[in-house]
Amino acid sequence: MSARHLRTLAVTLSLTGLIALTGCASEGNETLKNETGASIDQKIHDGVTTKDQIRALFGDPRESTFTDSGHEQWRYAFTNASSDAANFIPLYGDLHQGTHGTEKTLTVIFNGNVVWHHTMNASAVKTGSGLF
């Protein structure tokens, strides 16, 4: 094998290794992972769905609060993020770390024991730290 072919192979292996190293992480309620606004609307019906049914579908909420008007509000969240490829560049990656992904949030507001309103949001998220 020629020196040129060896260099090409080394670069290819380095890039393959870099791609393999880019990690993924998820955090939060896994039941939201594949949900969309439309799929949530098929499962939750305002004025009909009960607290027990919500708990059976999604488990206990991440957060439970009350609105100013006294309605109980449950919040569920799921974040799926991947490390930026730049994190693995020698020297630069030591000075900068970042991730990108999607955060899904389901908020359910109850009137007594029944869902009053609900909403599902998905937002792009990006984090970064370091000197750059």
N, C-alpha and C. Protein backbone atom coordinates (compact mmCIF):
# COMPACT_ATOMS: atom_id res chain seq x y z
N MET A 1 0.85 -1.16 0.00
CA MET A 1 0.00 0.00 0.00
C MET A 1 0.90 1.24 0.00
N SER A 2 0.55 2.22 -0.82
CA SER A 2 1.38 3.42 -0.94
C SER A 2 1.15 4.34 0.25
N ALA A 3 2.06 5.29 0.42
CA ALA A 3 1.97 6.26 1.51
C ALA A 3 0.69 7.09 1.37
N ARG A 4 0.33 7.41 0.14
CA ARG A 4 -0.89 8.19 -0.09
C ARG A 4 -2.12 7.42 0.37
N HIS A 5 -2.19 6.14 0.05
CA HIS A 5 -3.31 5.30 0.47
C HIS A 5 -3.35 5.16 1.99
N LEU A 6 -2.18 5.05 2.62
CA LEU A 6 -2.13 4.95 4.07
C LEU A 6 -2.66 6.22 4.73
N ARG A 7 -2.28 7.40 4.18
CA ARG A 7 -2.77 8.68 4.72
C ARG A 7 -4.29 8.77 4.56
N THR A 8 -4.79 8.37 3.39
CA THR A 8 -6.24 8.40 3.15
C THR A 8 -6.96 7.47 4.12
N LEU A 9 -6.41 6.30 4.34
CA LEU A 9 -7.00 5.35 5.28
C LEU A 9 -6.97 5.91 6.69
N ALA A 10 -5.88 6.54 7.09
CA ALA A 10 -5.78 7.12 8.43
C ALA A 10 -6.81 8.23 8.63
N VAL A 11 -6.99 9.08 7.63
CA VAL A 11 -7.98 10.15 7.73
C VAL A 11 -9.39 9.57 7.81
N THR A 12 -9.66 8.58 6.98
CA THR A 12 -10.98 7.95 6.98
C THR A 12 -11.27 7.31 8.34
N LEU A 13 -10.31 6.60 8.89
CA LEU A 13 -10.50 5.97 10.20
C LEU A 13 -10.67 7.02 11.29
N SER A 14 -9.94 8.12 11.21
CA SER A 14 -10.08 9.19 12.20
C SER A 14 -11.46 9.79 12.15
N LEU A 15 -11.97 10.06 10.94
CA LEU A 15 -13.31 10.63 10.81
C LEU A 15 -14.37 9.65 11.27
N THR A 16 -14.19 8.37 10.96
CA THR A 16 -15.14 7.35 11.40
C THR A 16 -15.15 7.28 12.92
N GLY A 17 -13.98 7.33 13.52
CA GLY A 17 -13.89 7.32 14.98
C GLY A 17 -14.54 8.54 15.58
N LEU A 18 -14.37 9.70 14.96
CA LEU A 18 -14.97 10.94 15.44
C LEU A 18 -16.48 10.84 15.40
N ILE A 19 -17.02 10.32 14.32
CA ILE A 19 -18.47 10.17 14.20
C ILE A 19 -18.98 9.17 15.23
N ALA A 20 -18.26 8.10 15.47
CA ALA A 20 -18.68 7.10 16.44
C ALA A 20 -18.66 7.65 17.86
N LEU A 21 -17.77 8.59 18.13
CA LEU A 21 -17.64 9.15 19.46
C LEU A 21 -18.72 10.16 19.80
N THR A 22 -19.35 10.75 18.80
CA THR A 22 -20.38 11.75 19.09
C THR A 22 -21.50 11.06 19.83
N GLY A 23 -21.65 11.41 21.10
CA GLY A 23 -22.59 10.72 21.95
C GLY A 23 -23.97 11.34 21.95
N CYS A 24 -24.93 10.52 22.33
CA CYS A 24 -26.30 10.98 22.48
C CYS A 24 -26.69 10.77 23.94
N ALA A 25 -27.53 11.66 24.42
CA ALA A 25 -28.03 11.53 25.78
C ALA A 25 -29.48 11.95 25.81
N SER A 26 -30.24 11.28 26.64
CA SER A 26 -31.62 11.68 26.82
C SER A 26 -31.88 11.79 28.31
N GLU A 27 -32.87 12.62 28.63
CA GLU A 27 -33.19 12.86 30.03
C GLU A 27 -34.67 13.19 30.12
N GLY A 28 -35.33 12.66 31.14
CA GLY A 28 -36.72 12.98 31.35
C GLY A 28 -37.63 11.79 31.15
N ASN A 29 -38.87 12.10 30.84
CA ASN A 29 -39.91 11.10 30.71
C ASN A 29 -39.88 10.44 29.33
N GLU A 30 -39.41 9.21 29.28
CA GLU A 30 -39.24 8.47 28.01
C GLU A 30 -40.56 8.30 27.24
N THR A 31 -41.69 8.37 27.93
CA THR A 31 -42.96 8.18 27.22
C THR A 31 -43.23 9.30 26.22
N LEU A 32 -42.54 10.43 26.36
CA LEU A 32 -42.72 11.55 25.43
C LEU A 32 -41.81 11.45 24.20
N LYS A 33 -40.88 10.53 24.22
CA LYS A 33 -39.86 10.44 23.17
C LYS A 33 -40.42 10.48 21.76
N ASN A 34 -41.45 9.71 21.49
CA ASN A 34 -42.00 9.62 20.13
C ASN A 34 -43.33 10.36 19.97
N GLU A 35 -43.70 11.15 20.97
CA GLU A 35 -44.97 11.85 20.92
C GLU A 35 -44.86 13.15 20.12
N THR A 36 -45.98 13.54 19.53
CA THR A 36 -46.12 14.81 18.83
C THR A 36 -47.37 15.50 19.37
N GLY A 37 -47.57 16.73 18.99
CA GLY A 37 -48.79 17.42 19.39
C GLY A 37 -50.04 16.67 18.95
N ALA A 38 -50.00 16.14 17.73
CA ALA A 38 -51.15 15.40 17.20
C ALA A 38 -51.39 14.09 17.96
N SER A 39 -50.32 13.37 18.28
CA SER A 39 -50.51 12.09 18.99
C SER A 39 -50.99 12.33 20.42
N ILE A 40 -50.53 13.41 21.04
CA ILE A 40 -51.00 13.76 22.38
C ILE A 40 -52.48 14.12 22.35
N ASP A 41 -52.89 14.87 21.31
CA ASP A 41 -54.30 15.27 21.19
C ASP A 41 -55.23 14.06 21.00
N GLN A 42 -54.69 12.96 20.49
CA GLN A 42 -55.49 11.74 20.36
C GLN A 42 -55.65 11.02 21.70
N LYS A 43 -54.72 11.28 22.63
CA LYS A 43 -54.74 10.59 23.93
C LYS A 43 -55.39 11.42 25.03
N ILE A 44 -55.27 12.74 24.94
CA ILE A 44 -55.81 13.62 25.98
C ILE A 44 -56.94 14.45 25.39
N HIS A 45 -58.08 14.42 26.06
CA HIS A 45 -59.26 15.16 25.61
C HIS A 45 -59.70 16.10 26.73
N ASP A 46 -59.60 17.40 26.48
CA ASP A 46 -60.00 18.40 27.46
C ASP A 46 -61.45 18.17 27.86
N GLY A 47 -61.71 18.23 29.17
CA GLY A 47 -63.06 18.04 29.69
C GLY A 47 -63.47 16.59 29.85
N VAL A 48 -62.58 15.66 29.44
CA VAL A 48 -62.93 14.23 29.48
C VAL A 48 -61.87 13.41 30.24
N THR A 49 -60.61 13.55 29.87
CA THR A 49 -59.52 12.74 30.43
C THR A 49 -59.30 13.10 31.91
N THR A 50 -59.10 12.08 32.75
CA THR A 50 -58.94 12.29 34.19
C THR A 50 -57.46 12.25 34.60
N LYS A 51 -57.21 12.67 35.84
CA LYS A 51 -55.85 12.61 36.41
C LYS A 51 -55.32 11.18 36.39
N ASP A 52 -56.17 10.24 36.77
CA ASP A 52 -55.74 8.83 36.79
C ASP A 52 -55.35 8.34 35.40
N GLN A 53 -56.07 8.78 34.38
CA GLN A 53 -55.74 8.38 33.01
C GLN A 53 -54.42 9.02 32.56
N ILE A 54 -54.20 10.27 32.92
CA ILE A 54 -52.92 10.93 32.59
C ILE A 54 -51.78 10.21 33.29
N ARG A 55 -51.97 9.89 34.56
CA ARG A 55 -50.92 9.19 35.31
C ARG A 55 -50.66 7.80 34.70
N ALA A 56 -51.70 7.12 34.23
CA ALA A 56 -51.53 5.80 33.60
C ALA A 56 -50.75 5.93 32.29
N LEU A 57 -50.97 7.02 31.54
CA LEU A 57 -50.28 7.22 30.26
C LEU A 57 -48.83 7.66 30.43
N PHE A 58 -48.58 8.59 31.36
CA PHE A 58 -47.27 9.25 31.44
C PHE A 58 -46.57 9.12 32.79
N GLY A 59 -47.18 8.48 33.77
CA GLY A 59 -46.57 8.35 35.09
C GLY A 59 -46.75 9.63 35.89
N ASP A 60 -46.00 9.72 36.98
CA ASP A 60 -46.06 10.91 37.81
C ASP A 60 -45.40 12.08 37.10
N PRO A 61 -45.92 13.28 37.30
CA PRO A 61 -45.34 14.44 36.62
C PRO A 61 -43.97 14.81 37.18
N ARG A 62 -43.18 15.46 36.34
CA ARG A 62 -41.88 15.97 36.78
C ARG A 62 -42.08 17.12 37.76
N GLU A 63 -43.13 17.86 37.51
CA GLU A 63 -43.41 19.06 38.29
C GLU A 63 -44.92 19.19 38.47
N SER A 64 -45.35 19.55 39.65
CA SER A 64 -46.77 19.78 39.93
C SER A 64 -46.89 21.12 40.65
N THR A 65 -47.66 22.05 40.04
CA THR A 65 -47.83 23.37 40.61
C THR A 65 -49.30 23.77 40.51
N PHE A 66 -49.59 24.97 40.94
CA PHE A 66 -50.95 25.50 40.83
C PHE A 66 -50.91 26.83 40.09
N THR A 67 -51.90 27.06 39.25
CA THR A 67 -52.01 28.34 38.54
C THR A 67 -52.53 29.40 39.51
N ASP A 68 -52.50 30.65 39.10
CA ASP A 68 -53.02 31.74 39.92
C ASP A 68 -54.50 31.55 40.24
N SER A 69 -55.21 30.88 39.34
CA SER A 69 -56.64 30.66 39.56
C SER A 69 -56.92 29.38 40.36
N GLY A 70 -55.87 28.69 40.80
CA GLY A 70 -56.04 27.51 41.66
C GLY A 70 -56.13 26.18 40.96
N HIS A 71 -55.96 26.15 39.63
CA HIS A 71 -55.97 24.88 38.89
C HIS A 71 -54.62 24.17 39.07
N GLU A 72 -54.69 22.86 39.27
CA GLU A 72 -53.45 22.08 39.38
C GLU A 72 -52.85 21.90 37.98
N GLN A 73 -51.52 22.04 37.91
CA GLN A 73 -50.82 21.94 36.63
C GLN A 73 -49.70 20.91 36.76
N TRP A 74 -49.71 19.94 35.83
CA TRP A 74 -48.66 18.93 35.79
C TRP A 74 -47.79 19.19 34.57
N ARG A 75 -46.49 18.97 34.74
CA ARG A 75 -45.55 19.19 33.64
C ARG A 75 -44.67 17.96 33.48
N TYR A 76 -44.54 17.52 32.22
CA TYR A 76 -43.67 16.41 31.84
C TYR A 76 -42.67 16.94 30.83
N ALA A 77 -41.45 16.40 30.84
CA ALA A 77 -40.43 16.86 29.90
C ALA A 77 -39.54 15.71 29.47
N PHE A 78 -39.05 15.82 28.24
CA PHE A 78 -38.09 14.85 27.70
C PHE A 78 -37.12 15.61 26.79
N THR A 79 -35.84 15.41 27.02
CA THR A 79 -34.81 16.05 26.20
C THR A 79 -33.93 14.98 25.59
N ASN A 80 -33.68 15.11 24.29
CA ASN A 80 -32.79 14.21 23.56
C ASN A 80 -31.71 15.08 22.93
N ALA A 81 -30.46 14.89 23.31
CA ALA A 81 -29.38 15.75 22.82
C ALA A 81 -28.19 14.92 22.36
N SER A 82 -27.46 15.48 21.41
CA SER A 82 -26.24 14.87 20.88
C SER A 82 -25.08 15.83 21.06
N SER A 83 -23.92 15.28 21.30
CA SER A 83 -22.72 16.10 21.41
C SER A 83 -22.34 16.66 20.05
N ASP A 84 -21.91 17.92 20.03
CA ASP A 84 -21.42 18.52 18.80
C ASP A 84 -20.12 17.83 18.39
N ALA A 85 -19.94 17.61 17.10
CA ALA A 85 -18.73 16.95 16.59
C ALA A 85 -17.49 17.75 16.96
N ALA A 86 -17.61 19.07 17.06
CA ALA A 86 -16.46 19.92 17.39
C ALA A 86 -15.89 19.61 18.77
N ASN A 87 -16.68 18.98 19.64
CA ASN A 87 -16.20 18.61 20.98
C ASN A 87 -14.99 17.67 20.91
N PHE A 88 -14.86 16.96 19.79
CA PHE A 88 -13.84 15.93 19.68
C PHE A 88 -12.62 16.37 18.87
N ILE A 89 -12.58 17.63 18.49
CA ILE A 89 -11.42 18.16 17.78
C ILE A 89 -10.34 18.44 18.81
N PRO A 90 -9.15 17.88 18.63
CA PRO A 90 -8.08 18.11 19.60
C PRO A 90 -7.85 19.61 19.84
N LEU A 91 -7.59 19.95 21.06
CA LEU A 91 -7.39 21.31 21.57
C LEU A 91 -8.67 22.13 21.54
N TYR A 92 -9.32 22.29 20.40
CA TYR A 92 -10.56 23.07 20.33
C TYR A 92 -11.62 22.44 21.23
N GLY A 93 -11.74 21.12 21.17
CA GLY A 93 -12.71 20.42 22.00
C GLY A 93 -12.43 20.54 23.48
N ASP A 94 -11.16 20.76 23.84
CA ASP A 94 -10.81 20.98 25.24
C ASP A 94 -11.30 22.34 25.73
N LEU A 95 -11.49 23.27 24.81
CA LEU A 95 -11.87 24.64 25.17
C LEU A 95 -13.35 24.93 24.90
N HIS A 96 -14.04 24.03 24.23
CA HIS A 96 -15.46 24.23 23.93
C HIS A 96 -16.19 22.90 23.94
N GLN A 97 -17.30 22.85 24.63
CA GLN A 97 -18.16 21.67 24.65
C GLN A 97 -19.58 22.13 24.34
N GLY A 98 -20.27 21.42 23.47
CA GLY A 98 -21.63 21.80 23.11
C GLY A 98 -22.49 20.61 22.77
N THR A 99 -23.80 20.82 22.87
CA THR A 99 -24.77 19.81 22.49
C THR A 99 -25.90 20.48 21.71
N HIS A 100 -26.65 19.67 20.99
CA HIS A 100 -27.82 20.15 20.28
C HIS A 100 -28.86 19.03 20.28
N GLY A 101 -30.13 19.41 20.25
CA GLY A 101 -31.17 18.40 20.27
C GLY A 101 -32.55 19.01 20.37
N THR A 102 -33.47 18.25 20.96
CA THR A 102 -34.87 18.66 21.06
C THR A 102 -35.36 18.43 22.49
N GLU A 103 -36.13 19.38 22.98
CA GLU A 103 -36.80 19.23 24.26
C GLU A 103 -38.30 19.25 24.02
N LYS A 104 -38.99 18.24 24.57
CA LYS A 104 -40.45 18.17 24.48
C LYS A 104 -41.02 18.42 25.86
N THR A 105 -42.07 19.23 25.90
CA THR A 105 -42.73 19.54 27.17
C THR A 105 -44.23 19.34 27.03
N LEU A 106 -44.80 18.59 27.94
CA LEU A 106 -46.24 18.39 28.00
C LEU A 106 -46.73 19.06 29.28
N THR A 107 -47.68 19.97 29.14
CA THR A 107 -48.29 20.65 30.28
C THR A 107 -49.77 20.31 30.29
N VAL A 108 -50.26 19.88 31.46
CA VAL A 108 -51.66 19.51 31.61
C VAL A 108 -52.22 20.30 32.79
N ILE A 109 -53.31 21.03 32.56
CA ILE A 109 -53.96 21.80 33.62
C ILE A 109 -55.31 21.16 33.90
N PHE A 110 -55.58 20.94 35.19
CA PHE A 110 -56.80 20.24 35.60
C PHE A 110 -57.82 21.20 36.21
N ASN A 111 -59.06 20.89 35.99
CA ASN A 111 -60.18 21.53 36.68
C ASN A 111 -60.78 20.43 37.53
N GLY A 112 -60.39 20.40 38.80
CA GLY A 112 -60.77 19.28 39.66
C GLY A 112 -59.98 18.05 39.26
N ASN A 113 -60.69 17.00 38.90
CA ASN A 113 -60.05 15.72 38.54
C ASN A 113 -59.97 15.51 37.02
N VAL A 114 -60.41 16.51 36.24
CA VAL A 114 -60.50 16.35 34.78
C VAL A 114 -59.60 17.38 34.10
N VAL A 115 -59.01 16.98 32.95
CA VAL A 115 -58.15 17.88 32.19
C VAL A 115 -58.97 19.09 31.73
N TRP A 116 -58.45 20.26 32.01
CA TRP A 116 -59.08 21.51 31.57
C TRP A 116 -58.46 21.94 30.25
N HIS A 117 -57.09 22.02 30.22
CA HIS A 117 -56.34 22.34 29.01
C HIS A 117 -55.04 21.54 29.01
N HIS A 118 -54.53 21.29 27.82
CA HIS A 118 -53.22 20.63 27.71
C HIS A 118 -52.49 21.20 26.49
N THR A 119 -51.17 21.10 26.52
CA THR A 119 -50.37 21.53 25.37
C THR A 119 -49.07 20.73 25.33
N MET A 120 -48.63 20.47 24.12
CA MET A 120 -47.36 19.76 23.88
C MET A 120 -46.50 20.66 23.02
N ASN A 121 -45.28 20.93 23.47
CA ASN A 121 -44.34 21.76 22.72
C ASN A 121 -43.06 20.98 22.48
N ALA A 122 -42.44 21.24 21.33
CA ALA A 122 -41.12 20.69 21.02
C ALA A 122 -40.25 21.86 20.58
N SER A 123 -39.10 21.99 21.24
CA SER A 123 -38.19 23.11 20.96
C SER A 123 -36.79 22.59 20.68
N ALA A 124 -36.13 23.25 19.76
CA ALA A 124 -34.72 22.96 19.52
C ALA A 124 -33.91 23.53 20.69
N VAL A 125 -32.96 22.76 21.20
CA VAL A 125 -32.12 23.23 22.29
C VAL A 125 -30.65 23.08 21.90
N LYS A 126 -29.85 24.01 22.37
CA LYS A 126 -28.41 24.00 22.10
C LYS A 126 -27.73 24.51 23.34
N THR A 127 -26.69 23.81 23.76
CA THR A 127 -25.91 24.25 24.91
C THR A 127 -24.47 24.43 24.47
N GLY A 128 -23.77 25.23 25.19
CA GLY A 128 -22.35 25.43 24.92
C GLY A 128 -21.65 25.96 26.15
N SER A 129 -20.42 25.54 26.32
CA SER A 129 -19.61 26.05 27.43
C SER A 129 -18.16 26.07 27.00
N GLY A 130 -17.38 26.83 27.68
CA GLY A 130 -15.97 26.93 27.37
C GLY A 130 -15.60 28.31 26.90
N LEU A 131 -14.41 28.44 26.35
CA LEU A 131 -13.90 29.74 25.94
C LEU A 131 -14.46 30.22 24.61
N PHE A 132 -14.91 29.30 23.76
CA PHE A 132 -15.40 29.69 22.42
C PHE A 132 -16.91 29.59 22.36
